[in-house]
Amino acid sequence: MLELGGEVPEGKGAFYPPTVLSNVSKGMPAYDEELFGPVASVIMVDDEDAAIEVANDTNFGLGAAVFTTDLKRGERIASDSIRAGAVFVNDFVKSDPRLPFGGIKESGYGRELSLYGIREFMNVKTVVVS
């Protein structure tokens, strides 16, 4: 169900307004596909295990966020339970040149930024002398 936004405004430019969708469930594009843009899909769950199951129920894995008042719990969930290339606790997914950034599954291979990313642009030469 469309709660907010969802209509491209008239006028010049390529702008899509922030959009909130509720009652999202498996089988809907907002559940199954990797959305880019200011779209929030609200998926109701009963508990932490169900939330982790929904978060991992995707072919994609670029970034994820865990919001909690219990930082140890958030770190545990981010480190051990969520399958994504980057997981942020109490913050939104964003790139930072100091941190490696990239996805898993169908969201990519390898990393950009940081020491790990710069190595992607290196040509390593092997010389063997017998």
C-alpha atoms as a PDB file:
ATOM      1  CA  MET A   1       0.000   0.000   0.000  1.00  0.00           C
ATOM      2  CA  LEU A   2       1.320   3.436  -0.934  1.00  0.00           C
ATOM      3  CA  GLU A   3       1.633   5.537   2.222  1.00  0.00           C
ATOM      4  CA  LEU A   4       3.663   8.483   0.908  1.00  0.00           C
ATOM      5  CA  GLY A   5       5.075   9.735  -2.402  1.00  0.00           C
ATOM      6  CA  GLY A   6       5.051   7.463  -5.414  1.00  0.00           C
ATOM      7  CA  GLU A   7       4.289  10.068  -8.065  1.00  0.00           C
ATOM      8  CA  VAL A   8       6.921  11.812 -10.171  1.00  0.00           C
ATOM      9  CA  PRO A   9       6.336  15.555  -9.900  1.00  0.00           C
ATOM     10  CA  GLU A  10       5.836  17.695 -12.969  1.00  0.00           C
ATOM     11  CA  GLY A  11       8.645  19.905 -14.217  1.00  0.00           C
ATOM     12  CA  LYS A  12      12.220  19.648 -15.366  1.00  0.00           C
ATOM     13  CA  GLY A  13      14.720  17.243 -13.899  1.00  0.00           C
ATOM     14  CA  ALA A  14      14.967  13.632 -12.863  1.00  0.00           C
ATOM     15  CA  PHE A  15      13.441  13.614  -9.420  1.00  0.00           C
ATOM     16  CA  TYR A  16      11.563  10.897  -7.579  1.00  0.00           C
ATOM     17  CA  PRO A  17      10.064  11.832  -4.229  1.00  0.00           C
ATOM     18  CA  PRO A  18      10.612   9.857  -1.021  1.00  0.00           C
ATOM     19  CA  THR A  19       8.158   6.967  -1.040  1.00  0.00           C
ATOM     20  CA  VAL A  20       6.895   4.684   1.733  1.00  0.00           C
ATOM     21  CA  LEU A  21       5.180   1.379   0.976  1.00  0.00           C
ATOM     22  CA  SER A  22       3.444  -0.652   3.694  1.00  0.00           C
ATOM     23  CA  ASN A  23       2.067  -4.205   3.818  1.00  0.00           C
ATOM     24  CA  VAL A  24       4.927  -5.358   1.592  1.00  0.00           C
ATOM     25  CA  SER A  25       5.241  -9.136   1.275  1.00  0.00           C
ATOM     26  CA  LYS A  26       7.144 -11.790  -0.651  1.00  0.00           C
ATOM     27  CA  GLY A  27       6.278 -11.799  -4.349  1.00  0.00           C
ATOM     28  CA  MET A  28       6.039  -8.015  -4.605  1.00  0.00           C
ATOM     29  CA  PRO A  29       8.793  -6.101  -6.449  1.00  0.00           C
ATOM     30  CA  ALA A  30       9.357  -3.966  -3.334  1.00  0.00           C
ATOM     31  CA  TYR A  31      10.200  -7.185  -1.447  1.00  0.00           C
ATOM     32  CA  ASP A  32      11.974  -9.247  -4.108  1.00  0.00           C
ATOM     33  CA  GLU A  33      13.951  -6.680  -6.100  1.00  0.00           C
ATOM     34  CA  GLU A  34      16.877  -4.401  -5.299  1.00  0.00           C
ATOM     35  CA  LEU A  35      15.377  -0.917  -5.140  1.00  0.00           C
ATOM     36  CA  PHE A  36      17.454   2.185  -5.771  1.00  0.00           C
ATOM     37  CA  GLY A  37      16.050   5.512  -4.751  1.00  0.00           C
ATOM     38  CA  PRO A  38      14.237   6.948  -1.799  1.00  0.00           C
ATOM     39  CA  VAL A  39      11.824   4.042  -1.266  1.00  0.00           C
ATOM     40  CA  ALA A  40      11.127   2.452   2.129  1.00  0.00           C
ATOM     41  CA  SER A  41       9.383  -0.922   2.144  1.00  0.00           C
ATOM     42  CA  VAL A  42       7.709  -1.608   5.481  1.00  0.00           C
ATOM     43  CA  ILE A  43       7.584  -5.336   6.234  1.00  0.00           C
ATOM     44  CA  MET A  44       6.004  -6.312   9.542  1.00  0.00           C
ATOM     45  CA  VAL A  45       7.538  -9.215  11.494  1.00  0.00           C
ATOM     46  CA  ASP A  46       6.931 -10.738  14.911  1.00  0.00           C
ATOM     47  CA  ASP A  47      10.453 -10.949  16.329  1.00  0.00           C
ATOM     48  CA  GLU A  48      14.200 -10.640  15.782  1.00  0.00           C
ATOM     49  CA  ASP A  49      14.557 -14.042  14.115  1.00  0.00           C
ATOM     50  CA  ALA A  50      11.805 -13.210  11.622  1.00  0.00           C
ATOM     51  CA  ALA A  51      13.413  -9.820  10.887  1.00  0.00           C
ATOM     52  CA  ILE A  52      16.776 -11.482  10.185  1.00  0.00           C
ATOM     53  CA  GLU A  53      15.061 -14.065   7.973  1.00  0.00           C
ATOM     54  CA  VAL A  54      13.390 -11.312   5.909  1.00  0.00           C
ATOM     55  CA  ALA A  55      16.632  -9.319   5.697  1.00  0.00           C
ATOM     56  CA  ASN A  56      18.474 -12.350   4.301  1.00  0.00           C
ATOM     57  CA  ASP A  57      15.623 -13.520   2.031  1.00  0.00           C
ATOM     58  CA  THR A  58      17.056 -11.881  -1.068  1.00  0.00           C
ATOM     59  CA  ASN A  59      19.339 -12.586  -4.006  1.00  0.00           C
ATOM     60  CA  PHE A  60      21.067  -9.312  -3.256  1.00  0.00           C
ATOM     61  CA  GLY A  61      23.368  -8.142  -0.486  1.00  0.00           C
ATOM     62  CA  LEU A  62      24.864  -4.701  -0.957  1.00  0.00           C
ATOM     63  CA  GLY A  63      24.186  -3.100   2.406  1.00  0.00           C
ATOM     64  CA  ALA A  64      21.967  -3.404   5.445  1.00  0.00           C
ATOM     65  CA  ALA A  65      21.240  -1.480   8.608  1.00  0.00           C
ATOM     66  CA  VAL A  66      20.304  -2.595  12.110  1.00  0.00           C
ATOM     67  CA  PHE A  67      18.685  -0.086  14.452  1.00  0.00           C
ATOM     68  CA  THR A  68      18.603  -0.891  18.157  1.00  0.00           C
ATOM     69  CA  THR A  69      19.089   0.615  21.613  1.00  0.00           C
ATOM     70  CA  ASP A  70      21.242  -2.409  22.548  1.00  0.00           C
ATOM     71  CA  LEU A  71      24.587  -1.875  20.793  1.00  0.00           C
ATOM     72  CA  LYS A  72      25.995  -5.328  21.684  1.00  0.00           C
ATOM     73  CA  ARG A  73      22.888  -6.953  20.244  1.00  0.00           C
ATOM     74  CA  GLY A  74      23.153  -4.794  17.114  1.00  0.00           C
ATOM     75  CA  GLU A  75      26.803  -5.676  16.634  1.00  0.00           C
ATOM     76  CA  ARG A  76      26.044  -9.380  17.071  1.00  0.00           C
ATOM     77  CA  ILE A  77      23.236  -9.257  14.518  1.00  0.00           C
ATOM     78  CA  ALA A  78      25.361  -7.240  12.073  1.00  0.00           C
ATOM     79  CA  SER A  79      28.416  -9.482  12.433  1.00  0.00           C
ATOM     80  CA  ASP A  80      26.853 -12.919  12.713  1.00  0.00           C
ATOM     81  CA  SER A  81      23.373 -12.849  11.198  1.00  0.00           C
ATOM     82  CA  ILE A  82      22.911 -10.378   8.352  1.00  0.00           C
ATOM     83  CA  ARG A  83      24.317 -11.458   4.983  1.00  0.00           C
ATOM     84  CA  ALA A  84      25.412  -8.256   3.208  1.00  0.00           C
ATOM     85  CA  GLY A  85      28.646  -6.656   2.040  1.00  0.00           C
ATOM     86  CA  ALA A  86      28.285  -3.885   4.624  1.00  0.00           C
ATOM     87  CA  VAL A  87      26.104  -3.687   7.713  1.00  0.00           C
ATOM     88  CA  PHE A  88      25.693  -0.478   9.675  1.00  0.00           C
ATOM     89  CA  VAL A  89      24.426  -0.366  13.260  1.00  0.00           C
ATOM     90  CA  ASN A  90      22.316   2.685  14.099  1.00  0.00           C
ATOM     91  CA  ASP A  91      23.304   4.390  10.853  1.00  0.00           C
ATOM     92  CA  PHE A  92      22.306   4.330   7.209  1.00  0.00           C
ATOM     93  CA  VAL A  93      24.319   2.502   4.563  1.00  0.00           C
ATOM     94  CA  LYS A  94      26.774   4.874   2.918  1.00  0.00           C
ATOM     95  CA  SER A  95      30.184   4.753   1.365  1.00  0.00           C
ATOM     96  CA  ASP A  96      33.231   6.191   3.089  1.00  0.00           C
ATOM     97  CA  PRO A  97      36.641   6.273   1.374  1.00  0.00           C
ATOM     98  CA  ARG A  98      38.208   4.752   4.502  1.00  0.00           C
ATOM     99  CA  LEU A  99      35.979   1.656   4.381  1.00  0.00           C
ATOM    100  CA  PRO A 100      35.760  -1.147   1.821  1.00  0.00           C
ATOM    101  CA  PHE A 101      32.403  -1.025   0.036  1.00  0.00           C
ATOM    102  CA  GLY A 102      30.768  -3.670  -2.110  1.00  0.00           C
ATOM    103  CA  GLY A 103      28.080  -6.303  -2.164  1.00  0.00           C
ATOM    104  CA  ILE A 104      27.671 -10.047  -2.076  1.00  0.00           C
ATOM    105  CA  LYS A 105      25.365 -12.431  -3.938  1.00  0.00           C
ATOM    106  CA  GLU A 106      23.985 -10.649  -7.045  1.00  0.00           C
ATOM    107  CA  SER A 107      24.965  -7.233  -5.687  1.00  0.00           C
ATOM    108  CA  GLY A 108      28.536  -7.504  -6.809  1.00  0.00           C
ATOM    109  CA  TYR A 109      31.943  -8.985  -6.414  1.00  0.00           C
ATOM    110  CA  GLY A 110      34.990  -7.295  -4.956  1.00  0.00           C
ATOM    111  CA  ARG A 111      35.341  -4.032  -3.107  1.00  0.00           C
ATOM    112  CA  GLU A 112      35.944  -0.414  -3.898  1.00  0.00           C
ATOM    113  CA  LEU A 113      37.437   2.251  -1.636  1.00  0.00           C
ATOM    114  CA  SER A 114      39.993   1.715   1.154  1.00  0.00           C
ATOM    115  CA  LEU A 115      43.098  -0.442   0.844  1.00  0.00           C
ATOM    116  CA  TYR A 116      40.996  -3.375  -0.433  1.00  0.00           C
ATOM    117  CA  GLY A 117      39.464  -1.276  -3.185  1.00  0.00           C
ATOM    118  CA  ILE A 118      42.663   0.289  -4.485  1.00  0.00           C
ATOM    119  CA  ARG A 119      44.139  -3.190  -4.943  1.00  0.00           C
ATOM    120  CA  GLU A 120      41.373  -3.869  -7.481  1.00  0.00           C
ATOM    121  CA  PHE A 121      43.098  -1.317  -9.746  1.00  0.00           C
ATOM    122  CA  MET A 122      46.608  -2.742  -9.370  1.00  0.00           C
ATOM    123  CA  ASN A 123      48.404  -4.919 -11.855  1.00  0.00           C
ATOM    124  CA  VAL A 124      50.549  -7.420 -10.014  1.00  0.00           C
ATOM    125  CA  LYS A 125      53.498  -8.749 -11.959  1.00  0.00           C
ATOM    126  CA  THR A 126      55.106 -12.078 -11.223  1.00  0.00           C
ATOM    127  CA  VAL A 127      58.714 -12.723 -12.240  1.00  0.00           C
ATOM    128  CA  VAL A 128      60.244 -16.177 -11.739  1.00  0.00           C
ATOM    129  CA  VAL A 129      63.962 -16.739 -12.275  1.00  0.00           C
ATOM    130  CA  SER A 130      65.270 -20.323 -12.222  1.00  0.00           C
END
